[in-house]
């Protein structure tokens, strides 16, 4: 399942520090507007 794979990858990145290396600077921002996207599928 895709969610299981993504959670496992995030867990690995957090444990080995690679997430911090790539994205740690985001912690220093006073705010972050990442936006939001809603996808709706209709048959």
Protein backbone atom coordinates (compact mmCIF):
# COMPACT_ATOMS: atom_id res chain seq x y z
CA UNK A 1 0.00 0.00 0.00
CA UNK A 2 1.29 3.46 -0.89
CA UNK A 3 0.59 4.98 2.53
CA UNK A 4 2.55 2.24 4.28
CA UNK A 5 5.54 2.84 1.99
CA UNK A 6 5.42 6.61 2.52
CA UNK A 7 5.18 6.26 6.30
CA UNK A 8 8.11 3.83 6.29
CA UNK A 9 10.20 6.23 4.19
CA UNK A 10 9.38 9.16 6.48
CA UNK A 11 10.22 7.09 9.56
CA UNK A 12 13.57 6.12 8.03
CA UNK A 13 14.36 9.73 7.08
CA UNK A 14 13.50 10.99 10.56
CA UNK A 15 15.57 8.28 12.25
CA UNK A 16 18.67 8.70 10.09
CA UNK A 17 18.55 12.52 10.05
CA UNK A 18 18.11 12.89 6.30
CA UNK A 19 14.77 14.71 6.73
CA UNK A 20 16.46 17.23 9.01
CA UNK A 21 19.30 17.68 6.54
CA UNK A 22 16.92 18.36 3.64
CA UNK A 23 14.14 20.27 5.42
CA UNK A 24 15.43 21.35 8.84
CA UNK A 25 15.61 25.00 7.78
CA UNK A 26 11.79 25.01 7.71
CA UNK A 27 11.86 24.88 11.53
CA UNK A 28 13.39 28.37 11.59
CA UNK A 29 10.63 29.99 9.52
CA UNK A 30 8.14 32.13 11.45
CA UNK A 31 5.33 30.72 9.27
CA UNK A 32 4.82 28.40 6.31
CA UNK A 33 1.94 28.59 3.86
CA UNK A 34 2.08 25.22 2.15
CA UNK A 35 -1.36 25.52 0.64
CA UNK A 36 -3.98 22.85 0.36
CA UNK A 37 -5.35 20.88 -2.56
CA UNK A 38 -8.62 18.97 -2.67
CA UNK A 39 -9.04 16.38 -5.38
CA UNK A 40 -12.50 15.04 -6.11
CA UNK A 41 -13.03 12.12 -8.47
CA UNK A 42 -16.40 11.49 -10.00
CA UNK A 43 -17.33 8.42 -12.05
